[in-house]
Amino acid sequence: MIVERTNNELIIRLPATVDAAEIQDLLSYLRYQELTSKFTVKQSKVDKLARQVNQGWWERNKDKFIK
């Protein structure tokens, strides 16, 4: 692995033998960190959004679990 810092970027070079799916998961997490780094949100708002998302998911998928 080679890590290089330029004025604007951090460049990481990995051998082609590294599992691309695992790297994509890591990159997705890093992108999330980048996008949310400047946000300040109260935990109560995060919890409310999580409940709404979970409720919507359950409504769409409950038939798969309850027969």
N, C-alpha and C. Protein backbone atom coordinates (compact mmCIF):
# COMPACT_ATOMS: atom_id res chain seq x y z
N MET A 1 0.85 -1.17 0.00
CA MET A 1 0.00 0.00 0.00
C MET A 1 0.90 1.23 0.00
N ILE A 2 0.51 2.21 -0.80
CA ILE A 2 1.24 3.47 -0.87
C ILE A 2 0.25 4.59 -0.56
N VAL A 3 0.63 5.46 0.37
CA VAL A 3 -0.20 6.61 0.72
C VAL A 3 0.58 7.86 0.35
N GLU A 4 -0.08 8.72 -0.42
CA GLU A 4 0.56 9.95 -0.90
C GLU A 4 -0.36 11.12 -0.62
N ARG A 5 0.20 12.20 -0.10
CA ARG A 5 -0.59 13.40 0.16
C ARG A 5 -0.14 14.49 -0.82
N THR A 6 -1.12 15.09 -1.49
CA THR A 6 -0.85 16.23 -2.36
C THR A 6 -1.47 17.46 -1.68
N ASN A 7 -1.47 18.59 -2.36
CA ASN A 7 -2.07 19.80 -1.79
C ASN A 7 -3.57 19.62 -1.54
N ASN A 8 -4.24 18.89 -2.42
CA ASN A 8 -5.70 18.79 -2.36
C ASN A 8 -6.23 17.42 -1.99
N GLU A 9 -5.37 16.39 -2.04
CA GLU A 9 -5.88 15.03 -1.94
C GLU A 9 -4.98 14.14 -1.10
N LEU A 10 -5.57 13.04 -0.68
CA LEU A 10 -4.83 11.93 -0.10
C LEU A 10 -5.04 10.77 -1.05
N ILE A 11 -3.97 10.24 -1.61
CA ILE A 11 -4.06 9.17 -2.60
C ILE A 11 -3.56 7.88 -1.96
N ILE A 12 -4.38 6.83 -2.04
CA ILE A 12 -4.03 5.52 -1.49
C ILE A 12 -4.00 4.54 -2.65
N ARG A 13 -2.88 3.88 -2.82
CA ARG A 13 -2.74 2.87 -3.89
C ARG A 13 -2.66 1.50 -3.25
N LEU A 14 -3.50 0.59 -3.74
CA LEU A 14 -3.57 -0.77 -3.23
C LEU A 14 -3.30 -1.76 -4.35
N PRO A 15 -2.75 -2.93 -4.04
CA PRO A 15 -2.56 -3.93 -5.09
C PRO A 15 -3.90 -4.43 -5.62
N ALA A 16 -3.91 -4.87 -6.84
CA ALA A 16 -5.14 -5.34 -7.48
C ALA A 16 -5.69 -6.60 -6.81
N THR A 17 -4.92 -7.24 -5.97
CA THR A 17 -5.37 -8.46 -5.30
C THR A 17 -6.32 -8.18 -4.13
N VAL A 18 -6.45 -6.93 -3.74
CA VAL A 18 -7.35 -6.57 -2.63
C VAL A 18 -8.80 -6.74 -3.11
N ASP A 19 -9.63 -7.29 -2.23
CA ASP A 19 -11.05 -7.54 -2.56
C ASP A 19 -11.77 -6.21 -2.81
N ALA A 20 -12.25 -6.02 -4.02
CA ALA A 20 -12.90 -4.77 -4.43
C ALA A 20 -14.17 -4.49 -3.62
N ALA A 21 -14.93 -5.51 -3.25
CA ALA A 21 -16.16 -5.31 -2.48
C ALA A 21 -15.84 -4.73 -1.10
N GLU A 22 -14.80 -5.23 -0.47
CA GLU A 22 -14.42 -4.71 0.84
C GLU A 22 -13.93 -3.28 0.74
N ILE A 23 -13.20 -2.97 -0.32
CA ILE A 23 -12.74 -1.60 -0.53
C ILE A 23 -13.93 -0.68 -0.77
N GLN A 24 -14.93 -1.15 -1.52
CA GLN A 24 -16.12 -0.33 -1.77
C GLN A 24 -16.85 -0.02 -0.48
N ASP A 25 -16.95 -1.01 0.42
CA ASP A 25 -17.58 -0.77 1.72
C ASP A 25 -16.83 0.31 2.49
N LEU A 26 -15.51 0.21 2.48
CA LEU A 26 -14.69 1.21 3.16
C LEU A 26 -14.87 2.59 2.53
N LEU A 27 -14.88 2.64 1.21
CA LEU A 27 -15.05 3.92 0.51
C LEU A 27 -16.42 4.52 0.78
N SER A 28 -17.44 3.69 0.86
CA SER A 28 -18.79 4.18 1.19
C SER A 28 -18.80 4.80 2.58
N TYR A 29 -18.14 4.15 3.52
CA TYR A 29 -18.05 4.69 4.87
C TYR A 29 -17.30 6.01 4.88
N LEU A 30 -16.19 6.09 4.15
CA LEU A 30 -15.42 7.33 4.08
C LEU A 30 -16.23 8.44 3.42
N ARG A 31 -17.00 8.10 2.41
CA ARG A 31 -17.87 9.10 1.76
C ARG A 31 -18.91 9.62 2.74
N TYR A 32 -19.49 8.71 3.52
CA TYR A 32 -20.45 9.09 4.55
C TYR A 32 -19.79 10.07 5.53
N GLN A 33 -18.57 9.74 5.97
CA GLN A 33 -17.85 10.62 6.89
C GLN A 33 -17.62 12.00 6.26
N GLU A 34 -17.26 12.00 5.00
CA GLU A 34 -17.02 13.27 4.30
C GLU A 34 -18.29 14.10 4.23
N LEU A 35 -19.39 13.47 3.88
CA LEU A 35 -20.65 14.20 3.71
C LEU A 35 -21.23 14.71 5.02
N THR A 36 -21.00 13.98 6.10
CA THR A 36 -21.62 14.35 7.38
C THR A 36 -20.67 15.11 8.30
N SER A 37 -19.45 15.34 7.90
CA SER A 37 -18.47 15.95 8.79
C SER A 37 -18.83 17.37 9.21
N LYS A 38 -19.59 18.06 8.41
CA LYS A 38 -19.92 19.46 8.72
C LYS A 38 -21.32 19.62 9.31
N PHE A 39 -22.02 18.52 9.52
CA PHE A 39 -23.37 18.59 10.06
C PHE A 39 -23.36 18.47 11.58
N THR A 40 -24.21 19.24 12.20
CA THR A 40 -24.45 19.06 13.63
C THR A 40 -25.96 18.87 13.79
N VAL A 41 -26.32 17.71 14.26
CA VAL A 41 -27.73 17.36 14.41
C VAL A 41 -27.92 16.79 15.81
N LYS A 42 -29.02 17.16 16.43
CA LYS A 42 -29.32 16.61 17.75
C LYS A 42 -29.61 15.12 17.64
N GLN A 43 -29.18 14.36 18.63
CA GLN A 43 -29.40 12.91 18.65
C GLN A 43 -30.89 12.59 18.58
N SER A 44 -31.72 13.40 19.17
CA SER A 44 -33.17 13.15 19.16
C SER A 44 -33.72 13.19 17.73
N LYS A 45 -33.18 14.06 16.89
CA LYS A 45 -33.62 14.12 15.49
C LYS A 45 -33.13 12.90 14.72
N VAL A 46 -31.91 12.46 15.00
CA VAL A 46 -31.39 11.25 14.37
C VAL A 46 -32.24 10.05 14.76
N ASP A 47 -32.58 9.95 16.04
CA ASP A 47 -33.41 8.85 16.52
C ASP A 47 -34.79 8.85 15.87
N LYS A 48 -35.37 10.03 15.71
CA LYS A 48 -36.68 10.14 15.07
C LYS A 48 -36.62 9.67 13.62
N LEU A 49 -35.60 10.11 12.89
CA LEU A 49 -35.44 9.69 11.50
C LEU A 49 -35.24 8.18 11.41
N ALA A 50 -34.42 7.63 12.31
CA ALA A 50 -34.18 6.18 12.32
C ALA A 50 -35.48 5.42 12.54
N ARG A 51 -36.32 5.89 13.46
CA ARG A 51 -37.62 5.24 13.70
C ARG A 51 -38.50 5.29 12.45
N GLN A 52 -38.51 6.43 11.77
CA GLN A 52 -39.31 6.57 10.56
C GLN A 52 -38.83 5.63 9.46
N VAL A 53 -37.53 5.55 9.29
CA VAL A 53 -36.96 4.66 8.27
C VAL A 53 -37.29 3.21 8.60
N ASN A 54 -37.09 2.84 9.85
CA ASN A 54 -37.37 1.46 10.27
C ASN A 54 -38.84 1.12 10.10
N GLN A 55 -39.73 2.04 10.44
CA GLN A 55 -41.16 1.80 10.30
C GLN A 55 -41.53 1.60 8.83
N GLY A 56 -40.98 2.44 7.96
CA GLY A 56 -41.25 2.30 6.53
C GLY A 56 -40.74 0.98 5.99
N TRP A 57 -39.53 0.60 6.43
CA TRP A 57 -38.96 -0.68 5.99
C TRP A 57 -39.86 -1.83 6.46
N TRP A 58 -40.29 -1.78 7.70
CA TRP A 58 -41.13 -2.85 8.24
C TRP A 58 -42.44 -2.95 7.46
N GLU A 59 -43.06 -1.83 7.17
CA GLU A 59 -44.33 -1.85 6.42
C GLU A 59 -44.14 -2.49 5.04
N ARG A 60 -43.01 -2.24 4.41
CA ARG A 60 -42.76 -2.81 3.08
C ARG A 60 -42.35 -4.29 3.14
N ASN A 61 -41.83 -4.75 4.26
CA ASN A 61 -41.24 -6.09 4.31
C ASN A 61 -41.89 -7.05 5.29
N LYS A 62 -42.87 -6.61 6.06
CA LYS A 62 -43.42 -7.47 7.11
C LYS A 62 -44.04 -8.76 6.56
N ASP A 63 -44.56 -8.71 5.35
CA ASP A 63 -45.17 -9.92 4.78
C ASP A 63 -44.14 -11.03 4.55
N LYS A 64 -42.89 -10.66 4.45
CA LYS A 64 -41.82 -11.67 4.29
C LYS A 64 -41.57 -12.43 5.59
N PHE A 65 -41.93 -11.82 6.72
CA PHE A 65 -41.63 -12.40 8.01
C PHE A 65 -42.87 -12.96 8.72
N ILE A 66 -44.02 -12.35 8.46
CA ILE A 66 -45.27 -12.81 9.09
C ILE A 66 -46.14 -13.44 8.03
N LYS A 67 -46.43 -14.69 8.23
CA LYS A 67 -47.25 -15.41 7.23
C LYS A 67 -48.68 -15.51 7.69
